[in-house]
Amino acid sequence: MLRGNTVNSLCSITKENSLAFDFDGTLVNCKTRQTEVLRSILRRKECNILQFNFNKWWKYKTNGSSTFNALVKMKVSGEIAKYISKSWIDIIENPEWLDLDKLSNNVIPLLSQLKKSDNSTFIVTARKSEYLFLNQIKKLSIDQYFNKYFVVDPNQSRVQKTEILQKLKPSIFIGDTENDFYSANESGVKFIAVSSGQRSKQFLLNQGIDLIIDSF
């Protein structure tokens, strides 16, 4: 486990080195967006599911289940779960939902200190729309802190993140999922996991990840 002051630890990296960050679940908390998108779909006449334990669904998700599998575990029929999952993927990046994302605690102090220390910083994230992603980081006023952004295909995220990390060779890649960990490992980059994102601390530990922080 990473101990001590996280900001100071990360900022102690020498100037010529760099850090790469995942975005969803790492720099922003996306639980509200994901659950509210689900809530809107469950209210549709095709589903009409008005009583639903969203916290339980999120717990399944953070312990490795896909949106579809988490629904099935909650006794939603396969056909309805398939409809919900597809609908969820279709609208999860719509601007009105992206506006629900909030920066994780202490992200701005961390990025500010990294900028003062002249560290190069990058975002490597999986999104369907690069345009909407760039618009989002501008709205969140964090675009100024990064040297460059890389947006990969969500269906090819592990492979494409690995390719980018191999070229960037950052000192550290910070993410919140097992795929981030695998991409870092396969590219020979040190990985730090954030357990306040889309995967729980126990799940991350079970993947063999030994550098974990609860939050920034």
C-alpha atoms as a PDB file:
ATOM      1  CA  MET A   1       0.000   0.000   0.000  1.00  0.00           C
ATOM      2  CA  LEU A   2       1.156   3.513  -0.733  1.00  0.00           C
ATOM      3  CA  ARG A   3       1.706   5.396   2.506  1.00  0.00           C
ATOM      4  CA  GLY A   4       2.385   8.987   3.479  1.00  0.00           C
ATOM      5  CA  ASN A   5       1.258  12.148   1.744  1.00  0.00           C
ATOM      6  CA  THR A   6       0.149  11.133  -1.746  1.00  0.00           C
ATOM      7  CA  VAL A   7       0.552  14.569  -3.296  1.00  0.00           C
ATOM      8  CA  ASN A   8       4.086  14.997  -1.976  1.00  0.00           C
ATOM      9  CA  SER A   9       5.006  11.444  -2.968  1.00  0.00           C
ATOM     10  CA  LEU A  10       3.855  11.903  -6.544  1.00  0.00           C
ATOM     11  CA  CYS A  11       5.373  15.363  -6.834  1.00  0.00           C
ATOM     12  CA  SER A  12       8.759  14.119  -5.677  1.00  0.00           C
ATOM     13  CA  ILE A  13       9.249  12.569  -9.106  1.00  0.00           C
ATOM     14  CA  THR A  14      12.045  14.385 -10.934  1.00  0.00           C
ATOM     15  CA  LYS A  15      11.194  16.991 -13.553  1.00  0.00           C
ATOM     16  CA  GLU A  16      12.188  14.896 -16.540  1.00  0.00           C
ATOM     17  CA  ASN A  17       9.692  12.192 -15.588  1.00  0.00           C
ATOM     18  CA  SER A  18       5.966  12.091 -16.231  1.00  0.00           C
ATOM     19  CA  LEU A  19       2.690  10.734 -14.902  1.00  0.00           C
ATOM     20  CA  ALA A  20      -0.290   9.370 -16.809  1.00  0.00           C
ATOM     21  CA  PHE A  21      -3.810   9.243 -15.409  1.00  0.00           C
ATOM     22  CA  ASP A  22      -6.926   7.337 -16.316  1.00  0.00           C
ATOM     23  CA  PHE A  23      -9.977   9.602 -16.132  1.00  0.00           C
ATOM     24  CA  ASP A  24     -13.298   7.958 -15.185  1.00  0.00           C
ATOM     25  CA  GLY A  25     -13.170   6.757 -11.591  1.00  0.00           C
ATOM     26  CA  THR A  26      -9.655   8.131 -11.177  1.00  0.00           C
ATOM     27  CA  LEU A  27      -9.821  11.899 -11.645  1.00  0.00           C
ATOM     28  CA  VAL A  28     -13.616  12.089 -11.568  1.00  0.00           C
ATOM     29  CA  ASN A  29     -16.216  10.273  -9.499  1.00  0.00           C
ATOM     30  CA  CYS A  30     -18.611   8.742 -12.022  1.00  0.00           C
ATOM     31  CA  LYS A  31     -20.888   6.805  -9.643  1.00  0.00           C
ATOM     32  CA  THR A  32     -23.644   9.417  -9.760  1.00  0.00           C
ATOM     33  CA  ARG A  33     -23.661   9.528 -13.560  1.00  0.00           C
ATOM     34  CA  GLN A  34     -23.726   5.760 -13.906  1.00  0.00           C
ATOM     35  CA  THR A  35     -26.505   5.229 -11.377  1.00  0.00           C
ATOM     36  CA  GLU A  36     -28.647   8.109 -12.649  1.00  0.00           C
ATOM     37  CA  VAL A  37     -28.375   6.858 -16.231  1.00  0.00           C
ATOM     38  CA  LEU A  38     -29.529   3.470 -14.974  1.00  0.00           C
ATOM     39  CA  ARG A  39     -32.381   5.057 -13.031  1.00  0.00           C
ATOM     40  CA  SER A  40     -33.626   6.860 -16.140  1.00  0.00           C
ATOM     41  CA  ILE A  41     -33.671   3.620 -18.150  1.00  0.00           C
ATOM     42  CA  LEU A  42     -35.420   1.607 -15.440  1.00  0.00           C
ATOM     43  CA  ARG A  43     -38.284   4.136 -15.536  1.00  0.00           C
ATOM     44  CA  ARG A  44     -38.918   3.530 -19.233  1.00  0.00           C
ATOM     45  CA  LYS A  45     -42.094   1.657 -20.101  1.00  0.00           C
ATOM     46  CA  GLU A  46     -39.981  -1.156 -21.556  1.00  0.00           C
ATOM     47  CA  CYS A  47     -38.638  -1.816 -18.054  1.00  0.00           C
ATOM     48  CA  ASN A  48     -40.940  -0.154 -15.534  1.00  0.00           C
ATOM     49  CA  ILE A  49     -38.681  -1.102 -12.611  1.00  0.00           C
ATOM     50  CA  LEU A  50     -39.433   1.410  -9.870  1.00  0.00           C
ATOM     51  CA  GLN A  51     -37.970  -0.403  -6.864  1.00  0.00           C
ATOM     52  CA  PHE A  52     -34.248  -0.995  -7.268  1.00  0.00           C
ATOM     53  CA  ASN A  53     -31.246  -1.098  -4.946  1.00  0.00           C
ATOM     54  CA  PHE A  54     -28.720   1.098  -6.745  1.00  0.00           C
ATOM     55  CA  ASN A  55     -26.096   0.762  -4.022  1.00  0.00           C
ATOM     56  CA  LYS A  56     -26.210  -3.015  -4.330  1.00  0.00           C
ATOM     57  CA  TRP A  57     -25.886  -2.745  -8.119  1.00  0.00           C
ATOM     58  CA  TRP A  58     -22.889  -0.428  -7.724  1.00  0.00           C
ATOM     59  CA  LYS A  59     -21.300  -2.842  -5.244  1.00  0.00           C
ATOM     60  CA  TYR A  60     -21.554  -5.623  -7.821  1.00  0.00           C
ATOM     61  CA  LYS A  61     -20.001  -3.302 -10.385  1.00  0.00           C
ATOM     62  CA  THR A  62     -17.093  -2.305  -8.161  1.00  0.00           C
ATOM     63  CA  ASN A  63     -16.426  -5.976  -7.508  1.00  0.00           C
ATOM     64  CA  GLY A  64     -15.900  -6.703 -11.183  1.00  0.00           C
ATOM     65  CA  SER A  65     -19.358  -7.273 -12.667  1.00  0.00           C
ATOM     66  CA  SER A  66     -20.374  -5.702 -15.957  1.00  0.00           C
ATOM     67  CA  THR A  67     -23.533  -3.598 -16.090  1.00  0.00           C
ATOM     68  CA  PHE A  68     -25.359  -6.597 -17.571  1.00  0.00           C
ATOM     69  CA  ASN A  69     -24.040  -9.166 -15.080  1.00  0.00           C
ATOM     70  CA  ALA A  70     -24.780  -6.911 -12.112  1.00  0.00           C
ATOM     71  CA  LEU A  71     -28.401  -6.633 -13.269  1.00  0.00           C
ATOM     72  CA  VAL A  72     -28.729 -10.398 -13.694  1.00  0.00           C
ATOM     73  CA  LYS A  73     -27.326 -10.922 -10.184  1.00  0.00           C
ATOM     74  CA  MET A  74     -30.129  -8.675  -8.979  1.00  0.00           C
ATOM     75  CA  LYS A  75     -32.695 -11.002 -10.579  1.00  0.00           C
ATOM     76  CA  VAL A  76     -33.457  -8.842 -13.608  1.00  0.00           C
ATOM     77  CA  SER A  77     -34.404 -11.124 -16.507  1.00  0.00           C
ATOM     78  CA  GLY A  78     -31.749 -11.684 -19.165  1.00  0.00           C
ATOM     79  CA  GLU A  79     -33.801 -10.049 -21.913  1.00  0.00           C
ATOM     80  CA  ILE A  80     -34.535  -6.915 -19.890  1.00  0.00           C
ATOM     81  CA  ALA A  81     -30.966  -6.793 -18.582  1.00  0.00           C
ATOM     82  CA  LYS A  82     -29.686  -6.914 -22.162  1.00  0.00           C
ATOM     83  CA  TYR A  83     -31.982  -4.044 -23.156  1.00  0.00           C
ATOM     84  CA  ILE A  84     -30.948  -1.980 -20.122  1.00  0.00           C
ATOM     85  CA  SER A  85     -27.243  -2.627 -20.670  1.00  0.00           C
ATOM     86  CA  LYS A  86     -27.378  -1.639 -24.341  1.00  0.00           C
ATOM     87  CA  SER A  87     -29.409   1.485 -23.564  1.00  0.00           C
ATOM     88  CA  TRP A  88     -26.998   2.380 -20.771  1.00  0.00           C
ATOM     89  CA  ILE A  89     -23.999   2.146 -23.109  1.00  0.00           C
ATOM     90  CA  ASP A  90     -25.831   4.170 -25.757  1.00  0.00           C
ATOM     91  CA  ILE A  91     -26.432   7.214 -23.525  1.00  0.00           C
ATOM     92  CA  ILE A  92     -23.775   7.062 -20.782  1.00  0.00           C
ATOM     93  CA  GLU A  93     -21.633   9.688 -22.524  1.00  0.00           C
ATOM     94  CA  ASN A  94     -24.433  12.084 -23.438  1.00  0.00           C
ATOM     95  CA  PRO A  95     -23.519  15.630 -22.345  1.00  0.00           C
ATOM     96  CA  GLU A  96     -26.416  15.961 -19.899  1.00  0.00           C
ATOM     97  CA  TRP A  97     -25.111  12.927 -18.014  1.00  0.00           C
ATOM     98  CA  LEU A  98     -21.433  13.852 -18.220  1.00  0.00           C
ATOM     99  CA  ASP A  99     -22.308  17.061 -16.397  1.00  0.00           C
ATOM    100  CA  LEU A 100     -22.995  14.934 -13.297  1.00  0.00           C
ATOM    101  CA  ASP A 101     -19.330  13.924 -12.985  1.00  0.00           C
ATOM    102  CA  LYS A 102     -17.443  15.641 -10.186  1.00  0.00           C
ATOM    103  CA  LEU A 103     -13.689  15.818  -9.637  1.00  0.00           C
ATOM    104  CA  SER A 104     -12.432  13.392  -7.026  1.00  0.00           C
ATOM    105  CA  ASN A 105     -11.216  14.870  -3.746  1.00  0.00           C
ATOM    106  CA  ASN A 106      -7.891  16.723  -3.879  1.00  0.00           C
ATOM    107  CA  VAL A 107      -7.424  16.357  -7.641  1.00  0.00           C
ATOM    108  CA  ILE A 108      -6.886  20.099  -8.156  1.00  0.00           C
ATOM    109  CA  PRO A 109      -4.233  20.406  -5.388  1.00  0.00           C
ATOM    110  CA  LEU A 110      -2.412  17.400  -6.838  1.00  0.00           C
ATOM    111  CA  LEU A 111      -2.487  18.682 -10.416  1.00  0.00           C
ATOM    112  CA  SER A 112      -1.509  22.179  -9.315  1.00  0.00           C
ATOM    113  CA  GLN A 113       1.511  20.880  -7.448  1.00  0.00           C
ATOM    114  CA  LEU A 114       2.545  18.673 -10.348  1.00  0.00           C
ATOM    115  CA  LYS A 115       2.382  21.671 -12.664  1.00  0.00           C
ATOM    116  CA  LYS A 116       4.504  23.756 -10.278  1.00  0.00           C
ATOM    117  CA  SER A 117       7.029  20.927 -10.200  1.00  0.00           C
ATOM    118  CA  ASP A 118       7.194  20.916 -14.015  1.00  0.00           C
ATOM    119  CA  ASN A 119       6.114  17.290 -14.244  1.00  0.00           C
ATOM    120  CA  SER A 120       4.624  16.257 -17.573  1.00  0.00           C
ATOM    121  CA  THR A 121       1.118  14.877 -17.104  1.00  0.00           C
ATOM    122  CA  PHE A 122      -1.131  12.953 -19.478  1.00  0.00           C
ATOM    123  CA  ILE A 123      -4.634  11.504 -19.550  1.00  0.00           C
ATOM    124  CA  VAL A 124      -5.138   8.088 -21.136  1.00  0.00           C
ATOM    125  CA  THR A 125      -8.837   7.229 -21.103  1.00  0.00           C
ATOM    126  CA  ALA A 126     -11.459   5.136 -22.862  1.00  0.00           C
ATOM    127  CA  ARG A 127     -14.349   7.086 -24.335  1.00  0.00           C
ATOM    128  CA  LYS A 128     -16.619   6.814 -27.370  1.00  0.00           C
ATOM    129  CA  SER A 129     -16.354  10.525 -28.117  1.00  0.00           C
ATOM    130  CA  GLU A 130     -13.083  12.416 -27.936  1.00  0.00           C
ATOM    131  CA  TYR A 131     -14.935  15.677 -28.597  1.00  0.00           C
ATOM    132  CA  LEU A 132     -17.257  15.236 -25.607  1.00  0.00           C
ATOM    133  CA  PHE A 133     -14.337  14.204 -23.407  1.00  0.00           C
ATOM    134  CA  LEU A 134     -12.343  17.337 -24.306  1.00  0.00           C
ATOM    135  CA  ASN A 135     -15.416  19.454 -23.711  1.00  0.00           C
ATOM    136  CA  GLN A 136     -15.848  17.852 -20.289  1.00  0.00           C
ATOM    137  CA  ILE A 137     -12.315  18.498 -19.052  1.00  0.00           C
ATOM    138  CA  LYS A 138     -12.641  22.116 -20.187  1.00  0.00           C
ATOM    139  CA  LYS A 139     -15.851  22.448 -18.174  1.00  0.00           C
ATOM    140  CA  LEU A 140     -14.072  20.944 -15.181  1.00  0.00           C
ATOM    141  CA  SER A 141     -11.209  23.443 -15.709  1.00  0.00           C
ATOM    142  CA  ILE A 142      -8.480  20.809 -15.649  1.00  0.00           C
ATOM    143  CA  ASP A 143      -7.414  20.872 -19.319  1.00  0.00           C
ATOM    144  CA  GLN A 144      -4.705  23.415 -18.418  1.00  0.00           C
ATOM    145  CA  TYR A 145      -2.892  20.887 -16.241  1.00  0.00           C
ATOM    146  CA  PHE A 146      -2.166  18.275 -18.908  1.00  0.00           C
ATOM    147  CA  ASN A 147       0.393  18.158 -21.689  1.00  0.00           C
ATOM    148  CA  LYS A 148      -1.667  15.839 -23.846  1.00  0.00           C
ATOM    149  CA  TYR A 149      -4.766  13.619 -23.853  1.00  0.00           C
ATOM    150  CA  PHE A 150      -5.230  10.206 -25.403  1.00  0.00           C
ATOM    151  CA  VAL A 151      -8.723   8.806 -25.973  1.00  0.00           C
ATOM    152  CA  VAL A 152      -9.006   5.119 -26.825  1.00  0.00           C
ATOM    153  CA  ASP A 153     -11.848   2.893 -28.012  1.00  0.00           C
ATOM    154  CA  PRO A 154     -13.705   1.403 -24.993  1.00  0.00           C
ATOM    155  CA  ASN A 155     -13.881  -1.939 -26.815  1.00  0.00           C
ATOM    156  CA  GLN A 156     -10.101  -1.974 -27.297  1.00  0.00           C
ATOM    157  CA  SER A 157      -9.062  -0.102 -24.176  1.00  0.00           C
ATOM    158  CA  ARG A 158      -6.557  -2.585 -22.773  1.00  0.00           C
ATOM    159  CA  VAL A 159      -4.645  -2.996 -26.046  1.00  0.00           C
ATOM    160  CA  GLN A 160      -4.734   0.671 -27.016  1.00  0.00           C
ATOM    161  CA  LYS A 161      -3.809   1.936 -23.545  1.00  0.00           C
ATOM    162  CA  THR A 162      -0.880  -0.482 -23.556  1.00  0.00           C
ATOM    163  CA  GLU A 163       0.321   0.883 -26.911  1.00  0.00           C
ATOM    164  CA  ILE A 164       0.105   4.480 -25.687  1.00  0.00           C
ATOM    165  CA  LEU A 165       1.871   3.745 -22.404  1.00  0.00           C
ATOM    166  CA  GLN A 166       4.647   1.941 -24.276  1.00  0.00           C
ATOM    167  CA  LYS A 167       5.255   5.102 -26.296  1.00  0.00           C
ATOM    168  CA  LEU A 168       4.849   7.586 -23.428  1.00  0.00           C
ATOM    169  CA  LYS A 169       6.823   5.565 -20.881  1.00  0.00           C
ATOM    170  CA  PRO A 170       5.527   7.580 -17.887  1.00  0.00           C
ATOM    171  CA  SER A 171       7.055   6.962 -14.474  1.00  0.00           C
ATOM    172  CA  ILE A 172       3.643   5.979 -13.140  1.00  0.00           C
ATOM    173  CA  PHE A 173       0.197   5.231 -14.549  1.00  0.00           C
ATOM    174  CA  ILE A 174      -2.647   5.905 -12.096  1.00  0.00           C
ATOM    175  CA  GLY A 175      -5.995   4.211 -12.705  1.00  0.00           C
ATOM    176  CA  ASP A 176      -8.897   2.491 -11.000  1.00  0.00           C
ATOM    177  CA  THR A 177      -9.534  -0.800 -12.829  1.00  0.00           C
ATOM    178  CA  GLU A 178      -7.880  -4.116 -13.543  1.00  0.00           C
ATOM    179  CA  ASN A 179      -7.591  -3.193 -17.236  1.00  0.00           C
ATOM    180  CA  ASP A 180      -5.538  -0.132 -16.273  1.00  0.00           C
ATOM    181  CA  PHE A 181      -3.313  -2.432 -14.233  1.00  0.00           C
ATOM    182  CA  TYR A 182      -2.919  -4.912 -17.092  1.00  0.00           C
ATOM    183  CA  SER A 183      -2.093  -2.115 -19.549  1.00  0.00           C
ATOM    184  CA  ALA A 184       0.566  -0.758 -17.210  1.00  0.00           C
ATOM    185  CA  ASN A 185       2.073  -4.201 -16.627  1.00  0.00           C
ATOM    186  CA  GLU A 186       2.153  -5.033 -20.321  1.00  0.00           C
ATOM    187  CA  SER A 187       3.881  -1.751 -21.106  1.00  0.00           C
ATOM    188  CA  GLY A 188       6.412  -1.990 -18.280  1.00  0.00           C
ATOM    189  CA  VAL A 189       5.023   1.019 -16.403  1.00  0.00           C
ATOM    190  CA  LYS A 190       4.602   1.237 -12.632  1.00  0.00           C
ATOM    191  CA  PHE A 191       0.928   1.278 -11.614  1.00  0.00           C
ATOM    192  CA  ILE A 192      -0.933   2.870  -8.707  1.00  0.00           C
ATOM    193  CA  ALA A 193      -4.624   2.046  -8.218  1.00  0.00           C
ATOM    194  CA  VAL A 194      -7.267   4.350  -6.761  1.00  0.00           C
ATOM    195  CA  SER A 195      -9.830   2.336  -4.799  1.00  0.00           C
ATOM    196  CA  SER A 196     -12.454   5.106  -4.688  1.00  0.00           C
ATOM    197  CA  GLY A 197     -13.346   4.598  -8.348  1.00  0.00           C
ATOM    198  CA  GLN A 198     -14.999   1.802 -10.309  1.00  0.00           C
ATOM    199  CA  ARG A 199     -13.344  -1.060  -8.424  1.00  0.00           C
ATOM    200  CA  SER A 200     -13.241  -1.798  -4.699  1.00  0.00           C
ATOM    201  CA  LYS A 201     -10.009  -2.119  -2.751  1.00  0.00           C
ATOM    202  CA  GLN A 202     -10.589  -5.831  -2.157  1.00  0.00           C
ATOM    203  CA  PHE A 203     -11.187  -6.478  -5.844  1.00  0.00           C
ATOM    204  CA  LEU A 204      -7.994  -4.625  -6.750  1.00  0.00           C
ATOM    205  CA  LEU A 205      -6.029  -6.586  -4.157  1.00  0.00           C
ATOM    206  CA  ASN A 206      -7.409  -9.806  -5.606  1.00  0.00           C
ATOM    207  CA  GLN A 207      -5.968  -8.809  -8.987  1.00  0.00           C
ATOM    208  CA  GLY A 208      -2.500  -8.724  -7.457  1.00  0.00           C
ATOM    209  CA  ILE A 209      -2.250  -4.936  -7.240  1.00  0.00           C
ATOM    210  CA  ASP A 210      -0.096  -3.914  -4.283  1.00  0.00           C
ATOM    211  CA  LEU A 211       0.079  -0.133  -4.687  1.00  0.00           C
ATOM    212  CA  ILE A 212      -3.365   1.201  -3.785  1.00  0.00           C
ATOM    213  CA  ILE A 213      -4.556   4.567  -2.473  1.00  0.00           C
ATOM    214  CA  ASP A 214      -8.082   5.258  -1.198  1.00  0.00           C
ATOM    215  CA  SER A 215      -8.138   8.735  -2.739  1.00  0.00           C
ATOM    216  CA  PHE A 216      -5.857  11.638  -3.599  1.00  0.00           C
END
